[in-house]
């Protein structure tokens, strides 16, 4: 797919972990 999609996918996963930790 696109490279931007990969970056957003990693950012969303990292945001999910931060939200879960909070």
PDB file of N, CA and C in Angstrom:
ATOM      1  N   UNK A   1       0.843  -1.206   0.000  1.00  0.00           N
ATOM      2  CA  UNK A   1       0.000   0.000   0.000  1.00  0.00           C
ATOM      3  C   UNK A   1       0.879   1.258   0.000  1.00  0.00           C
ATOM      4  N   UNK A   2       0.540   2.248   0.765  1.00  0.00           N
ATOM      5  CA  UNK A   2       1.364   3.499   0.747  1.00  0.00           C
ATOM      6  C   UNK A   2       2.283   3.575   1.969  1.00  0.00           C
ATOM      7  N   UNK A   3       3.311   4.351   1.856  1.00  0.00           N
ATOM      8  CA  UNK A   3       4.242   4.461   3.008  1.00  0.00           C
ATOM      9  C   UNK A   3       3.558   5.245   4.133  1.00  0.00           C
ATOM     10  N   UNK A   4       2.748   6.208   3.774  1.00  0.00           N
ATOM     11  CA  UNK A   4       2.050   7.025   4.794  1.00  0.00           C
ATOM     12  C   UNK A   4       1.140   6.099   5.634  1.00  0.00           C
ATOM     13  N   UNK A   5       0.543   5.137   4.987  1.00  0.00           N
ATOM     14  CA  UNK A   5      -0.350   4.211   5.725  1.00  0.00           C
ATOM     15  C   UNK A   5       0.453   3.489   6.806  1.00  0.00           C
ATOM     16  N   UNK A   6       1.665   3.107   6.472  1.00  0.00           N
ATOM     17  CA  UNK A   6       2.502   2.369   7.451  1.00  0.00           C
ATOM     18  C   UNK A   6       2.813   3.283   8.635  1.00  0.00           C
ATOM     19  N   UNK A   7       3.105   4.526   8.360  1.00  0.00           N
ATOM     20  CA  UNK A   7       3.458   5.437   9.476  1.00  0.00           C
ATOM     21  C   UNK A   7       2.231   5.667  10.363  1.00  0.00           C
ATOM     22  N   UNK A   8       1.099   5.855   9.746  1.00  0.00           N
ATOM     23  CA  UNK A   8      -0.106   6.095  10.562  1.00  0.00           C
ATOM     24  C   UNK A   8      -0.447   4.821  11.359  1.00  0.00           C
ATOM     25  N   UNK A   9      -0.239   3.674  10.772  1.00  0.00           N
ATOM     26  CA  UNK A   9      -0.568   2.409  11.472  1.00  0.00           C
ATOM     27  C   UNK A   9       0.290   2.305  12.748  1.00  0.00           C
ATOM     28  N   UNK A  10       1.575   2.666  12.594  1.00  0.00           N
ATOM     29  CA  UNK A  10       2.507   2.558  13.791  1.00  0.00           C
ATOM     30  C   UNK A  10       2.090   3.634  14.811  1.00  0.00           C
ATOM     31  N   UNK A  11       1.722   4.758  14.349  1.00  0.00           N
ATOM     32  CA  UNK A  11       1.348   5.820  15.320  1.00  0.00           C
ATOM     33  C   UNK A  11       0.050   5.427  16.039  1.00  0.00           C
ATOM     34  N   UNK A  12      -0.856   4.862  15.328  1.00  0.00           N
ATOM     35  CA  UNK A  12      -2.127   4.458  15.977  1.00  0.00           C
ATOM     36  C   UNK A  12      -1.863   3.366  17.016  1.00  0.00           C
ATOM     37  N   UNK A  13      -0.983   2.455  16.691  1.00  0.00           N
ATOM     38  CA  UNK A  13      -0.678   1.352  17.662  1.00  0.00           C
ATOM     39  C   UNK A  13      -0.024   1.977  18.903  1.00  0.00           C
ATOM     40  N   UNK A  14       0.852   2.905  18.669  1.00  0.00           N
ATOM     41  CA  UNK A  14       1.573   3.519  19.841  1.00  0.00           C
ATOM     42  C   UNK A  14       0.558   4.327  20.649  1.00  0.00           C
ATOM     43  N   UNK A  15      -0.343   4.958  19.983  1.00  0.00           N
ATOM     44  CA  UNK A  15      -1.360   5.814  20.719  1.00  0.00           C
ATOM     45  C   UNK A  15      -2.256   4.860  21.524  1.00  0.00           C
ATOM     46  N   UNK A  16      -2.564   3.723  20.980  1.00  0.00           N
ATOM     47  CA  UNK A  16      -3.441   2.770  21.706  1.00  0.00           C
ATOM     48  C   UNK A  16      -2.743   2.334  22.983  1.00  0.00           C
ATOM     49  N   UNK A  17      -1.464   2.109  22.912  1.00  0.00           N
ATOM     50  CA  UNK A  17      -0.731   1.663  24.127  1.00  0.00           C
ATOM     51  C   UNK A  17      -0.717   2.800  25.159  1.00  0.00           C
ATOM     52  N   UNK A  18      -0.505   3.996  24.689  1.00  0.00           N
ATOM     53  CA  UNK A  18      -0.472   5.139  25.644  1.00  0.00           C
ATOM     54  C   UNK A  18      -1.850   5.326  26.271  1.00  0.00           C
ATOM     55  N   UNK A  19      -2.870   5.195  25.492  1.00  0.00           N
ATOM     56  CA  UNK A  19      -4.232   5.365  26.046  1.00  0.00           C
ATOM     57  C   UNK A  19      -4.536   4.237  27.036  1.00  0.00           C
ATOM     58  N   UNK A  20      -4.088   3.065  26.720  1.00  0.00           N
ATOM     59  CA  UNK A  20      -4.364   1.915  27.628  1.00  0.00           C
ATOM     60  C   UNK A  20      -3.574   2.124  28.933  1.00  0.00           C
ATOM     61  N   UNK A  21      -2.389   2.628  28.815  1.00  0.00           N
ATOM     62  CA  UNK A  21      -1.557   2.828  30.007  1.00  0.00           C
ATOM     63  C   UNK A  21      -2.196   3.898  30.895  1.00  0.00           C
ATOM     64  N   UNK A  22      -2.803   4.878  30.266  1.00  0.00           N
ATOM     65  CA  UNK A  22      -3.403   5.951  31.061  1.00  0.00           C
ATOM     66  C   UNK A  22      -4.609   5.370  31.807  1.00  0.00           C
TER      67      UNK A  22
END
